[in-house]
Protein backbone atom coordinates (compact mmCIF):
# COMPACT_ATOMS: atom_id res chain seq x y z
CA MET A 1 0.00 0.00 0.00
CA HIS A 2 1.03 3.59 -0.63
CA VAL A 3 -0.38 6.61 1.20
CA ILE A 4 -0.77 10.02 -0.46
CA ALA A 5 -2.20 13.21 1.02
CA THR A 6 -4.08 15.88 -0.89
CA ALA A 7 -3.15 19.56 -0.61
CA GLY A 8 -4.64 22.74 -1.98
CA HIS A 9 -7.02 25.65 -1.54
CA VAL A 10 -10.57 25.20 -0.32
CA ASP A 11 -13.12 24.28 -3.00
CA HIS A 12 -10.52 23.34 -5.60
CA GLY A 13 -11.97 19.86 -5.83
CA LYS A 14 -9.71 17.70 -3.66
CA SER A 15 -12.52 15.60 -2.21
CA THR A 16 -14.32 15.43 -5.55
CA LEU A 17 -11.12 14.16 -7.15
CA VAL A 18 -10.63 11.49 -4.46
CA ARG A 19 -14.27 10.47 -4.84
CA ALA A 20 -13.86 10.12 -8.63
CA LEU A 21 -10.66 8.07 -8.27
CA THR A 22 -11.89 5.70 -5.55
CA GLY A 23 -15.67 5.64 -5.76
CA MET A 24 -15.64 6.28 -2.01
CA GLU A 25 -16.90 9.24 0.00
CA PRO A 26 -13.92 10.80 1.84
CA ASP A 27 -16.03 13.31 3.79
CA ARG A 28 -17.04 11.44 6.93
CA TRP A 29 -19.28 14.01 8.60
CA ALA A 30 -22.82 15.01 7.62
CA GLU A 31 -21.81 18.66 8.19
CA GLU A 32 -19.06 18.29 5.58
CA ARG A 33 -21.45 16.86 3.00
CA ARG A 34 -24.09 19.48 3.79
CA ARG A 35 -21.65 22.38 3.40
CA GLY A 36 -19.71 20.80 0.52
CA MET A 37 -16.48 21.56 2.36
CA THR A 38 -14.01 19.23 4.02
CA ILE A 39 -13.56 20.07 7.69
CA ASP A 40 -11.62 17.11 9.02
CA LEU A 41 -9.43 14.40 7.53
CA GLY A 42 -11.03 11.99 5.07
CA PHE A 43 -9.79 8.59 3.92
CA ALA A 44 -10.38 6.52 0.78
CA TRP A 45 -8.42 4.08 -1.36
CA THR A 46 -8.21 2.50 -4.79
CA ALA A 47 -6.27 -0.16 -6.66
CA LEU A 48 -4.22 0.92 -9.69
CA ASP A 49 -3.80 -1.12 -12.87
CA SER A 50 -0.38 -2.22 -11.59
CA GLY A 51 -2.03 -3.81 -8.58
CA ASP A 52 -0.63 -1.18 -6.22
CA VAL A 53 -3.13 0.13 -3.70
CA VAL A 54 -3.15 3.87 -3.04
CA ALA A 55 -4.80 5.22 0.10
CA PHE A 56 -5.61 8.92 0.13
CA VAL A 57 -5.65 11.20 3.15
CA ASP A 58 -7.97 13.98 2.07
CA VAL A 59 -7.26 17.21 3.94
CA PRO A 60 -9.37 20.35 4.42
CA GLY A 61 -8.39 23.41 2.39
CA HIS A 62 -9.94 26.19 4.45
CA GLU A 63 -7.52 28.35 6.43
CA ARG A 64 -9.49 27.68 9.64
CA PHE A 65 -8.65 23.98 9.38
CA VAL A 66 -4.93 24.12 8.57
CA PRO A 67 -4.06 22.28 11.84
CA ASN A 68 -6.28 19.41 10.66
CA MET A 69 -4.53 19.48 7.28
CA LEU A 70 -1.11 19.31 8.95
CA ALA A 71 -2.19 16.35 11.09
CA GLY A 72 -2.95 14.44 7.90
CA VAL A 73 0.10 15.47 5.90
CA GLY A 74 2.67 15.05 8.69
CA PRO A 75 3.22 11.28 8.51
CA VAL A 76 2.61 10.90 4.73
CA PRO A 77 5.48 10.48 2.19
CA ALA A 78 3.80 11.96 -0.92
CA ALA A 79 1.25 14.60 -1.87
CA LEU A 80 -1.28 15.42 -4.58
CA VAL A 81 -1.18 19.21 -5.00
CA VAL A 82 -4.57 20.26 -6.37
CA VAL A 83 -5.15 23.60 -8.15
CA ALA A 84 -8.39 24.58 -9.92
CA ALA A 85 -7.94 25.72 -13.53
CA ASP A 86 -10.54 28.47 -13.18
CA GLU A 87 -9.09 30.00 -10.00
CA GLY A 88 -5.39 29.26 -10.17
CA TRP A 89 -2.99 29.69 -7.29
CA MET A 90 -4.68 30.80 -4.05
CA PRO A 91 -3.66 31.64 -0.45
CA GLN A 92 -4.17 28.13 0.94
CA SER A 93 -2.37 26.68 -2.07
CA ALA A 94 0.63 28.67 -0.87
CA GLU A 95 0.31 27.69 2.80
CA HIS A 96 -0.20 24.01 1.98
CA LEU A 97 2.84 24.05 -0.31
CA ALA A 98 4.87 25.82 2.37
CA ALA A 99 3.87 23.08 4.80
CA LEU A 100 4.91 20.32 2.40
CA ASP A 101 8.22 22.09 1.81
CA ALA A 102 8.79 22.56 5.55
CA LEU A 103 8.16 18.86 6.17
CA GLY A 104 10.57 17.94 3.39
CA VAL A 105 8.04 16.04 1.25
CA ARG A 106 9.90 15.09 -1.96
CA HIS A 107 7.34 13.13 -3.93
CA GLY A 108 4.14 14.38 -5.48
CA LEU A 109 1.94 15.23 -8.43
CA LEU A 110 0.32 18.47 -9.57
CA VAL A 111 -3.33 18.00 -10.52
CA ILE A 112 -5.16 20.80 -12.30
CA THR A 113 -8.87 20.26 -11.65
CA ARG A 114 -11.93 21.72 -13.37
CA SER A 115 -10.07 21.64 -16.66
CA ASP A 116 -13.46 21.63 -18.41
CA LEU A 117 -14.04 25.22 -17.24
CA LEU A 118 -10.79 26.87 -18.39
CA ASP A 119 -7.59 26.05 -20.22
CA PRO A 120 -5.46 24.40 -17.48
CA SER A 121 -2.12 25.41 -18.96
CA LEU A 122 -2.06 28.84 -17.32
CA ALA A 123 -2.69 27.52 -13.81
CA ALA A 124 -0.30 24.64 -14.44
CA ALA A 125 2.60 26.86 -15.51
CA ASP A 126 2.22 29.11 -12.43
CA ALA A 127 1.90 26.18 -10.02
CA GLN A 128 4.80 24.28 -11.56
CA GLU A 129 7.11 27.25 -11.07
CA ARG A 130 6.10 27.62 -7.41
CA ILE A 131 6.38 23.90 -6.68
CA ALA A 132 9.77 23.59 -8.36
CA ALA A 133 11.25 25.97 -5.77
CA THR A 134 10.32 23.60 -2.91
CA SER A 135 11.38 20.16 -1.70
CA LEU A 136 8.97 18.62 -4.24
CA GLY A 137 11.00 19.98 -7.15
CA GLN A 138 9.82 19.21 -10.68
CA VAL A 139 6.58 17.23 -10.55
CA GLU A 140 4.47 15.58 -13.20
CA THR A 141 1.30 17.50 -14.03
CA VAL A 142 -2.08 16.07 -14.98
CA ALA A 143 -5.19 18.04 -15.95
CA VAL A 144 -8.51 16.44 -15.04
CA SER A 145 -12.22 17.07 -14.83
CA ALA A 146 -14.07 15.11 -12.20
CA VAL A 147 -17.33 16.13 -13.89
CA THR A 148 -16.55 14.81 -17.40
CA GLY A 149 -14.00 12.20 -16.31
CA ALA A 150 -11.38 13.67 -18.66
CA GLY A 151 -7.80 12.99 -17.53
CA LEU A 152 -8.69 10.52 -14.78
CA ASP A 153 -7.06 7.63 -16.65
CA ASP A 154 -3.96 9.78 -17.15
CA LEU A 155 -4.00 10.59 -13.42
CA ARG A 156 -4.21 6.92 -12.47
CA ALA A 157 -1.24 6.20 -14.74
CA ALA A 158 0.71 9.10 -13.19
CA LEU A 159 -0.10 7.77 -9.73
CA GLY A 160 1.38 4.45 -10.78
CA ARG A 161 4.59 6.17 -11.85
CA LEU A 162 4.64 8.18 -8.61
CA VAL A 163 4.30 5.21 -6.26
CA ALA A 164 6.97 3.33 -8.23
CA ARG A 165 9.41 6.11 -7.26
CA LEU A 166 8.57 6.15 -3.57
CA PRO A 167 11.36 4.86 -1.27
CA GLU A 168 10.98 1.45 0.27
CA PRO A 169 9.93 1.66 3.93
CA ASP A 170 12.13 0.23 6.68
CA LEU A 171 10.10 -2.75 7.89
CA ASP A 172 12.56 -3.47 10.71
CA ALA A 173 12.24 0.02 12.18
CA PRO A 174 10.45 0.56 15.49
CA VAL A 175 6.82 1.63 15.24
CA ARG A 176 5.67 5.20 15.76
CA LEU A 177 2.04 5.51 14.75
CA TRP A 178 0.81 9.09 14.97
CA VAL A 179 -2.89 8.97 15.84
CA ASP A 180 -5.18 11.04 13.59
CA ARG A 181 -8.52 9.57 14.72
CA SER A 182 -9.78 7.95 17.90
CA PHE A 183 -13.23 6.47 18.44
CA THR A 184 -15.05 3.60 20.10
CA ILE A 185 -16.83 0.63 18.57
CA LYS A 186 -19.47 -1.14 20.59
CA GLY A 187 -18.17 -4.52 21.69
CA ALA A 188 -14.61 -3.72 20.60
CA GLY A 189 -13.60 -0.65 22.60
CA THR A 190 -11.19 2.08 21.58
CA VAL A 191 -9.89 2.22 18.01
CA VAL A 192 -7.24 4.62 16.70
CA THR A 193 -6.16 5.20 13.12
CA GLY A 194 -2.99 6.56 11.56
CA THR A 195 -0.44 6.22 8.78
CA LEU A 196 2.18 3.57 9.53
CA GLY A 197 5.32 5.00 7.94
CA ALA A 198 7.83 2.37 9.05
CA GLY A 199 7.98 -0.95 10.83
CA ARG A 200 5.29 -3.57 11.25
CA LEU A 201 2.28 -3.97 13.55
CA ARG A 202 0.95 -7.33 14.71
CA SER A 203 -2.08 -8.30 16.69
CA GLY A 204 -0.98 -8.83 20.28
CA ASP A 205 1.91 -6.35 20.08
CA GLU A 206 2.69 -4.27 23.15
CA LEU A 207 3.03 -0.55 22.46
CA GLU A 208 3.56 2.53 24.58
CA LEU A 209 1.69 5.82 24.87
CA ALA A 210 3.42 9.12 25.56
CA SER A 211 2.23 8.85 29.16
CA GLY A 212 4.48 5.79 29.49
CA ARG A 213 1.51 3.47 29.77
CA ARG A 214 1.92 0.11 28.00
CA VAL A 215 -1.04 -0.94 25.84
CA ARG A 216 -1.83 -4.11 23.91
CA VAL A 217 -3.04 -4.39 20.31
CA ARG A 218 -6.31 -6.29 20.37
CA GLY A 219 -6.85 -6.28 16.62
CA LEU A 220 -5.89 -4.57 13.36
CA GLN A 221 -7.69 -3.41 10.25
CA SER A 222 -6.34 -2.02 7.00
CA LEU A 223 -8.44 -0.89 4.03
CA GLY A 224 -11.56 -1.93 5.92
CA ALA A 225 -10.50 -5.56 6.42
CA ALA A 226 -9.19 -7.34 9.51
CA ALA A 227 -5.49 -8.20 9.41
CA ALA A 228 -3.17 -10.22 11.64
CA ASP A 229 -0.29 -7.89 10.79
CA VAL A 230 0.21 -4.69 8.80
CA ALA A 231 3.50 -3.55 7.27
CA ALA A 232 4.46 -0.01 6.33
CA VAL A 233 3.52 2.07 4.47
CA ALA A 234 -0.18 1.68 5.29
CA ARG A 235 -3.30 3.22 6.69
CA VAL A 236 -4.15 1.17 9.75
CA ALA A 237 -6.83 1.01 12.43
CA VAL A 238 -5.68 -0.35 15.79
CA ASN A 239 -8.09 -1.75 18.36
CA LEU A 240 -6.54 -1.24 21.80
CA ARG A 241 -7.29 -3.48 24.75
CA GLY A 242 -8.29 -1.80 28.02
CA VAL A 243 -7.86 1.79 26.83
CA GLU A 244 -10.57 4.38 27.38
CA ARG A 245 -11.55 6.71 24.54
CA ASP A 246 -10.37 9.82 26.40
CA GLU A 247 -6.92 8.32 27.04
CA VAL A 248 -5.77 8.64 23.43
CA GLY A 249 -6.56 11.09 20.66
CA ARG A 250 -5.18 12.99 17.69
CA GLY A 251 -1.59 14.01 18.27
CA ASP A 252 -0.80 11.05 20.48
CA ALA A 253 1.54 8.35 19.23
CA LEU A 254 1.75 4.61 19.72
CA VAL A 255 5.41 3.61 19.82
CA THR A 256 7.60 0.56 20.26
CA PRO A 257 8.53 0.57 23.97
CA GLY A 258 11.99 1.88 24.77
CA ARG A 259 12.78 3.05 21.23
CA PHE A 260 11.79 6.72 21.24
CA GLN A 261 12.90 9.64 23.40
CA LEU A 262 9.95 11.33 25.07
CA THR A 263 11.16 14.93 25.26
CA ASP A 264 9.92 18.44 25.84
CA VAL A 265 13.20 20.19 24.90
CA ILE A 266 14.84 19.88 21.50
CA ASP A 267 17.53 21.67 19.52
CA VAL A 268 16.65 22.17 15.86
CA ARG A 269 17.81 23.69 12.59
CA LEU A 270 15.29 25.97 10.94
CA ALA A 271 14.85 26.50 7.20
CA GLY A 272 12.52 29.44 6.63
CA ASP A 273 12.16 32.71 8.48
CA PRO A 274 15.33 34.10 10.14
CA VAL A 275 15.62 32.61 13.60
CA ALA A 276 16.16 36.04 15.16
CA ASP A 277 12.80 37.21 13.77
CA LEU A 278 10.74 34.35 15.18
CA PRO A 279 8.08 35.11 17.80
CA ALA A 280 8.77 33.76 21.27
CA THR A 281 5.83 31.34 20.98
CA LEU A 282 4.87 29.22 17.95
CA THR A 283 3.20 25.89 17.25
CA LEU A 284 5.28 22.85 16.34
CA HIS A 285 3.59 20.37 14.02
CA VAL A 286 5.12 16.89 13.81
CA GLY A 287 3.29 13.76 12.76
CA SER A 288 -0.31 14.40 13.74
CA ALA A 289 0.72 16.38 16.84
CA ALA A 290 0.57 20.11 17.40
CA ALA A 291 2.40 21.48 20.45
CA ALA A 292 2.91 25.05 21.60
CA VAL A 293 6.63 25.83 21.87
CA ARG A 294 8.77 28.59 23.27
CA VAL A 295 11.61 29.52 20.95
CA ARG A 296 15.14 30.37 22.12
CA PRO A 297 17.37 31.42 19.20
CA LEU A 298 20.88 30.01 19.37
CA GLY A 299 22.63 30.51 16.03
CA GLU A 300 21.76 31.94 12.63
CA ASP A 301 19.64 28.92 11.76
CA SER A 302 19.43 27.00 15.05
CA ALA A 303 17.16 27.29 18.07
CA ARG A 304 16.08 25.53 21.23
CA LEU A 305 12.39 24.67 21.43
CA ARG A 306 10.66 24.02 24.75
CA LEU A 307 7.46 22.05 24.12
CA ALA A 308 4.32 22.45 26.20
CA THR A 309 3.68 18.73 25.62
CA ALA A 310 6.38 16.05 25.60
CA LEU A 311 6.52 14.11 22.32
CA PRO A 312 8.32 10.92 21.20
CA LEU A 313 11.00 12.35 18.90
CA ARG A 314 14.26 11.24 17.32
CA ILE A 315 17.28 12.88 15.75
CA GLY A 316 16.52 13.68 12.11
CA ASP A 317 12.76 14.09 12.53
CA ARG A 318 11.20 16.73 10.29
CA ALA A 319 8.58 19.12 11.59
CA LEU A 320 7.31 22.62 10.93
CA LEU A 321 6.82 25.77 12.95
CA ARG A 322 3.66 27.76 12.35
CA ASP A 323 2.38 31.06 13.63
CA PRO A 324 -1.36 30.38 14.03
CA GLY A 325 -2.15 34.04 14.63
CA ARG A 326 -0.76 35.08 11.24
CA HIS A 327 -1.71 31.82 9.47
CA HIS A 328 1.95 31.63 8.54
CA VAL A 329 4.39 28.72 8.21
CA ALA A 330 7.58 30.03 9.80
CA GLY A 331 9.63 27.20 8.38
CA GLY A 332 10.64 23.60 8.55
CA VAL A 333 12.78 22.22 11.32
CA THR A 334 15.17 19.31 11.45
CA VAL A 335 15.60 17.84 14.92
CA LEU A 336 19.29 17.85 15.83
CA ASP A 337 19.13 16.79 19.48
CA VAL A 338 16.30 15.32 21.56
CA SER A 339 18.27 15.38 24.81
CA PRO A 340 20.25 18.63 24.71
CA PRO A 341 22.54 19.85 27.49
CA PRO A 342 21.39 22.65 29.83
CA LEU A 343 22.55 26.19 29.03
CA ARG A 344 23.37 27.56 32.47
CA ARG A 345 26.77 29.21 32.16
CA ARG A 346 27.63 32.48 30.49
CA GLY A 347 28.52 31.84 26.87
CA ALA A 348 26.91 28.38 26.85
CA ALA A 349 24.37 29.36 24.17
CA ALA A 350 27.08 30.61 21.79
CA LEU A 351 29.13 27.44 22.31
CA ARG A 352 26.03 25.33 21.69
CA ALA A 353 25.28 27.25 18.48
CA ARG A 354 28.77 26.45 17.18
CA GLU A 355 28.31 22.79 18.05
CA LEU A 356 24.90 22.66 16.34
CA SER A 357 26.41 24.19 13.19
CA THR A 358 28.42 20.96 12.77
CA MET A 359 25.33 18.71 13.02
CA ASP A 360 23.15 17.77 10.06
CA GLY A 361 20.36 15.79 11.70
CA SER A 362 21.85 12.41 10.85
CA PRO A 363 21.88 10.10 13.90
CA SER A 364 25.63 9.39 14.01
CA GLU A 365 26.94 7.01 16.65
CA ALA A 366 30.47 8.44 16.56
CA GLY A 367 29.17 12.01 16.65
CA GLU A 368 26.84 11.42 19.58
CA LEU A 369 29.54 9.60 21.55
CA ARG A 370 31.97 12.45 20.91
CA ARG A 371 29.43 15.05 22.05
CA ARG A 372 28.10 13.12 25.05
CA ALA A 373 31.36 11.39 26.10
CA LEU A 374 29.41 8.81 28.16
CA VAL A 375 25.90 7.62 27.39
CA ARG A 376 23.78 4.53 27.90
CA ARG A 377 23.18 2.35 24.86
CA SER A 378 19.44 2.48 25.49
CA SER A 379 19.52 6.29 25.45
CA LEU A 380 21.25 6.40 22.06
CA GLU A 381 18.78 3.90 20.63
CA ARG A 382 15.86 6.04 21.81
CA MET A 383 17.43 8.99 20.01
CA GLY A 384 17.38 6.99 16.78
CA VAL A 385 21.09 6.10 16.69
CA ARG A 386 22.10 2.69 15.40
CA VAL A 387 24.57 1.36 17.96
CA THR A 388 27.48 -0.91 16.99
CA ALA A 389 30.07 -0.04 19.66
CA ALA A 390 30.69 -2.41 22.56
CA PRO A 391 29.81 -1.11 26.03
CA VAL A 392 32.66 -0.21 28.37
CA ALA A 393 30.62 -1.30 31.41
CA GLY A 394 27.01 -2.47 31.78
CA ASP A 395 25.17 -0.70 28.96
CA TRP A 396 27.44 2.38 29.10
CA LEU A 397 29.10 3.51 25.88
CA ALA A 398 32.06 5.86 25.81
CA ASP A 399 33.87 8.02 23.31
CA PRO A 400 37.29 6.33 22.92
CA ASP A 401 39.29 9.54 23.42
CA HIS A 402 37.27 10.50 26.48
CA TRP A 403 37.63 7.01 27.93
CA SER A 404 41.40 7.13 27.47
CA ALA A 405 41.55 10.53 29.16
CA LEU A 406 39.43 9.24 32.06
CA ARG A 407 41.85 6.37 32.58
CA GLN A 408 44.76 8.80 32.81
CA ARG A 409 42.82 10.97 35.26
CA LEU A 410 41.99 7.91 37.37
CA ASN A 411 45.69 7.05 37.65
CA ALA A 412 46.44 10.61 38.73
CA GLU A 413 43.60 10.70 41.27
CA VAL A 414 44.60 7.38 42.84
CA THR A 415 48.25 8.41 43.04
CA ARG A 416 47.30 11.72 44.66
CA TYR A 417 45.03 10.01 47.17
CA VAL A 418 47.58 7.35 48.14
CA CYS A 419 50.23 10.01 48.70
CA ALA A 420 47.83 12.04 50.86
CA HIS A 421 46.59 8.98 52.78
CA PRO A 422 49.56 6.62 53.21
CA LEU A 423 47.72 4.55 55.83
CA GLU A 424 45.03 3.55 53.31
CA VAL A 425 45.44 0.91 50.62
CA GLY A 426 43.75 3.01 47.98
CA ALA A 427 41.07 5.57 47.18
CA PRO A 428 37.39 4.75 47.81
CA VAL A 429 35.49 4.03 44.59
CA GLU A 430 32.75 6.52 45.46
CA ALA A 431 35.28 9.31 46.06
CA LEU A 432 36.84 8.57 42.68
CA ARG A 433 33.42 8.59 41.01
CA HIS A 434 32.83 12.11 42.30
CA ALA A 435 36.33 13.27 41.39
CA LEU A 436 35.91 12.06 37.80
CA ASP A 437 32.26 13.23 37.63
CA LEU A 438 31.06 9.78 36.55
CA PRO A 439 27.36 8.82 36.66
CA ASP A 440 27.86 5.20 37.78
CA ARG A 441 30.26 3.33 40.09
CA VAL A 442 30.67 0.53 37.55
CA LEU A 443 32.52 2.95 35.29
CA VAL A 444 35.24 3.45 37.91
CA ASP A 445 35.84 -0.30 38.16
CA ALA A 446 35.86 -0.58 34.36
CA LEU A 447 38.62 2.05 34.13
CA VAL A 448 40.97 0.07 36.39
CA ALA A 449 43.98 -1.28 34.52
CA PRO A 450 47.57 -2.12 35.61
CA PRO A 451 49.25 -0.80 37.64
CA LEU A 452 45.94 -0.05 39.43
CA VAL A 453 44.07 -2.78 41.29
CA ALA A 454 40.57 -2.88 42.82
CA ARG A 455 39.91 -4.50 46.19
CA ASP A 456 37.37 -4.08 48.94
CA GLY A 457 35.68 -1.04 47.41
CA ARG A 458 38.96 0.82 46.87
CA ILE A 459 41.30 1.44 43.97
CA GLY A 460 45.02 1.32 44.72
CA VAL A 461 48.36 0.79 43.09
CA ALA A 462 49.61 -2.77 42.91
CA GLY A 463 52.27 -3.39 45.54
CA GLN A 464 51.50 -0.22 47.47
CA GLY A 465 49.80 -0.44 50.85
CA ASP A 466 51.29 -3.86 51.64
CA ALA A 467 54.09 -2.37 53.73
CA LEU A 468 53.32 -0.23 56.76
CA PRO A 469 54.80 3.25 57.23
CA GLU A 470 57.91 3.06 59.41
CA ARG A 471 56.37 4.75 62.45
CA VAL A 472 53.36 2.41 62.39
CA ALA A 473 55.60 -0.65 61.97
CA ARG A 474 57.62 0.42 65.03
CA ALA A 475 54.43 0.85 67.09
CA VAL A 476 53.22 -2.62 66.06
CA ASP A 477 56.58 -4.05 67.18
CA ARG A 478 55.99 -2.48 70.60
CA VAL A 479 52.54 -4.10 70.76
CA ARG A 480 54.14 -7.41 69.87
CA LEU A 481 56.56 -7.03 72.76
CA ASP A 482 53.69 -6.13 75.12
CA LEU A 483 51.82 -9.31 74.14
CA ALA A 484 54.84 -11.62 74.23
CA GLY A 485 54.10 -12.96 77.69
CA GLN A 486 50.33 -12.32 77.74
CA PRO A 487 49.05 -12.94 74.20
CA PHE A 488 45.39 -12.26 75.11
CA HIS A 489 45.93 -9.16 77.21
CA ALA A 490 45.03 -6.59 74.54
CA PRO A 491 46.54 -3.09 75.00
CA GLU A 492 44.25 -0.54 76.61
CA ALA A 493 43.20 2.60 74.72
CA ALA A 494 45.70 4.71 76.63
CA ARG A 495 48.58 2.39 75.63
CA LEU A 496 47.52 2.45 71.98
CA ALA A 497 47.37 6.24 72.07
CA GLU A 498 50.79 6.35 73.70
CA LEU A 499 52.17 4.27 70.83
CA GLY A 500 50.51 6.53 68.24
CA LEU A 501 48.08 3.86 67.08
CA GLY A 502 44.87 5.71 66.33
CA PRO A 503 41.92 4.28 64.35
CA ARG A 504 43.56 4.86 60.97
CA GLU A 505 46.90 3.40 62.05
CA LEU A 506 45.18 0.35 63.53
CA ALA A 507 43.11 -0.11 60.36
CA ALA A 508 46.29 -0.01 58.27
CA ALA A 509 47.99 -2.56 60.50
CA VAL A 510 44.97 -4.87 60.33
CA ARG A 511 44.83 -4.58 56.51
CA ALA A 512 48.51 -5.38 56.33
CA GLY A 513 47.97 -8.47 58.52
CA ALA A 514 50.22 -7.15 61.29
CA LEU A 515 47.40 -7.09 63.87
CA LEU A 516 44.10 -8.91 64.39
CA ARG A 517 41.05 -6.75 65.06
CA VAL A 518 38.79 -8.47 67.60
CA ALA A 519 36.50 -5.48 68.26
CA ASP A 520 36.67 -1.70 68.20
CA GLY A 521 39.82 -0.78 70.14
CA VAL A 522 40.67 -4.45 70.83
CA VAL A 523 43.60 -5.84 68.84
CA LEU A 524 45.72 -8.96 69.22
CA LEU A 525 48.52 -10.51 67.24
CA PRO A 526 47.85 -12.62 64.11
CA GLY A 527 47.39 -16.24 65.10
CA ALA A 528 45.53 -15.33 68.29
CA VAL A 529 42.43 -17.24 67.13
CA GLU A 530 44.33 -20.49 66.61
CA GLU A 531 46.22 -20.06 69.90
CA ALA A 532 42.94 -19.38 71.80
CA VAL A 533 41.34 -22.52 70.35
CA ALA A 534 44.36 -24.58 71.48
CA VAL A 535 44.11 -23.16 75.02
CA LEU A 536 40.32 -23.64 75.27
CA ALA A 537 40.54 -27.20 73.99
CA GLY A 538 42.29 -28.05 77.23
CA VAL A 539 39.45 -26.65 79.38
CA PRO A 540 36.73 -29.07 80.59
CA GLN A 541 33.90 -29.01 78.07
CA PRO A 542 31.50 -27.23 77.98
CA PHE A 543 32.99 -24.07 79.45
CA THR A 544 31.65 -20.72 80.59
CA LEU A 545 32.80 -17.20 79.76
CA SER A 546 34.50 -17.07 83.15
CA ASP A 547 36.29 -20.38 82.47
CA ALA A 548 37.54 -19.03 79.14
CA ARG A 549 38.65 -15.69 80.63
CA GLN A 550 40.69 -17.41 83.33
CA ALA A 551 42.23 -19.92 80.89
CA LEU A 552 43.23 -17.18 78.47
CA GLY A 553 44.52 -14.89 81.18
CA THR A 554 42.58 -11.88 79.99
CA THR A 555 39.79 -9.53 80.93
CA ARG A 556 36.10 -9.58 80.13
CA ARG A 557 36.74 -6.66 77.70
CA VAL A 558 38.77 -9.04 75.51
CA ALA A 559 37.18 -12.42 76.31
CA VAL A 560 33.61 -11.48 75.22
CA PRO A 561 34.43 -10.27 71.68
CA LEU A 562 37.12 -12.97 71.26
CA LEU A 563 34.61 -15.76 71.98
CA GLU A 564 32.08 -14.14 69.65
CA LEU A 565 34.76 -14.10 66.96
CA LEU A 566 35.45 -17.79 67.56
CA ASP A 567 31.68 -18.46 67.24
CA ARG A 568 31.52 -16.64 63.91
CA ARG A 569 34.47 -18.54 62.55
CA GLY A 570 32.99 -21.88 63.66
CA ALA A 571 35.81 -22.66 66.06
CA THR A 572 33.40 -22.82 69.01
CA ARG A 573 29.72 -23.62 69.35
CA ARG A 574 27.47 -21.74 71.78
CA LEU A 575 24.93 -23.81 73.70
CA PRO A 576 21.43 -22.69 74.79
CA ASP A 577 22.68 -22.12 78.38
CA ASP A 578 25.43 -19.75 77.03
CA ARG A 579 28.20 -22.26 77.68
CA ARG A 580 30.44 -23.23 74.76
CA VAL A 581 32.29 -26.22 73.38
CA ILE A 582 35.14 -26.47 70.92
CA ALA A 583 33.62 -27.36 67.56
CA PRO A 584 34.61 -30.80 66.28
């Protein structure tokens, strides 16, 4: 299937033309048929001689309904520009063409209607010249009369040539279905319709609304018939399970979960009015959505847009800015960044403008990594970037140059910390994360490479920290002498202070294996556990705390935590009456 939108001034015969081509009534509302004027979007389809099916999105031509027109044109890859021979180029012809140009539509036909009323060549020449200056370029022209039927066969042949030139859709792409209609069907529930521009929909698929809510596809229809799956490009109706009618409407989008960035701030390039002349507030039209935006000029052709409503956007998306008060298309925009950095510092806007001048709207993996330095793979994929690089840790990706610089900085930070804290075996990982301004601890561990080593939540230099500073080693020797005759008589706090063994010095000695920490402020020599077990094995079993204290020749201050340590290590077993036995 191929989907084509109409465009043109009110009463130039767009709906009449669609009706003549398809035999279907595109105007859905009684009010439209009564007034003879399209108000909302209409839909009809026909099969060409080639077997190709063309579905038309018929749009209103009146200036009051331009937002409806833009909702229909936004997701469609080709357009039928309709101009009446007896009236020629008109104001809405110009605004519709400006919209197509802003959206970057490159495929279309010019149809001169009512050719039975006036020679179509004059209107055709004028319209061709105007169209040629836009993204549509040179287009084939067909003159028709829906009243006499003249030219309709030629138009069907031209449509065949047009659809043959349309690019093949990406069927493996994630789905983003912009909703242009939402209604309920008794017994079925909520149904939404839209133009599927890429990807494939299947019954049972799980999709996501902009609110973040996951929804399930209950059923699909295309061209009025039920379908198990629908591939792009196609008009499709989606029956949603468990969704109320007021939960989804025109401008919403159904998307593949986790594949689009929901954003309310974007940086864009504008083609149209000078950025400096733009009003502070405009309307952004993308897909079927229309969102009020505040405009912050950055460079000559770049700006930051702050959206009143968050939308699922990707790098490279095309949209247009319109001034509804003046009925004026300000220009087309290309989305350059859907997750731009904040502009808080003086000069940040000018620097950002220079950076944006190097971007073309192509989702480049290397470019995004260079600009972002560190980014999650899932974030890049939501931006529309095809990821091939291997993560450096978890799902984190890194620019190679930035990663190399981080590794050098880590070496410097660890060296600085070790020099400033000789009693510690290395720098805490969390402190290093802050020093390097990293978003995740796993990145610190991933940066570790020889001569650095990671152990016990710290990063140190291999071989450093194993030997104690000289003054600490001398103090430990004094403790060893104190314990030579009374191995379980741990030094009191005053003695430790006298020797210069504060908490940090004791911690260093324990890490180095020079002392055994039994409890806070209670240290013995290495091997004290094995020696205590040997002593207690000679005590009548089971034994009490008092028995153990007397056998070990120590105080309750030492005996209590020492026995608890033996329990934890499985050397002793505590009985219900608080006595203990040596474990077998």
